[in-house]
């Protein structure tokens, strides 16, 4: 995995340099439209089951008692926040997490404490991976907030349908990892291509 970490390091440095003005403009817009804080910080589970602090641009009102699960159209998400979330711009500060080594460009999305405690048997292999800015499960559920907005019980649907499927996909990613698989997933993420399991993994 040396090549994976080395490429993460180089790409995160380049990403921060080339997106610096965009990061600055977004921070200014958040300050003007939403006030402080500009960044959202939250403990997530990383490689080995260790906690780290995830950085994102804030997209919600300051005072709310909502769950950690987000649903499209929620009142706690501001108009500016909805725009940032639609185009994944709120996740740009995670370049800092990648630079620090908390995350990788490609891998399972980092979950809040509690979910990965449920992993058993071979599924715990995915804890060997650094969480990713994108990944095959992220591509499949790129419209997750919209999906959850259309079901009767979003929490149940997330816990019993989406989360187990993400775990399954992340295990396939772990078992089929290659540098070129990461390149393919990054390109597909940029182009917003539809998830294609047979194209990514060798499934027996």
Foldseek 3Di string as FASTA:
>chain_A
DVVQLVVLQVVLVVLCVVCVVVVVVQLVVCCVPANDDQWDWAWFAWAPRDTDIAIFGDQFHDDDDDDPDAAPPDPRGDPSSNVCLLLVVRRSVCSVVSNVPQAGQEAAATHHPDLLVPDDDLLVLSSNHGHHPYYLLCLQCVVVNHVLNPDPHSVCCCNPPSSVVSSVRRSQCSVQPDPVLSVVRVVCVVVSHHRDSVVRGDDD
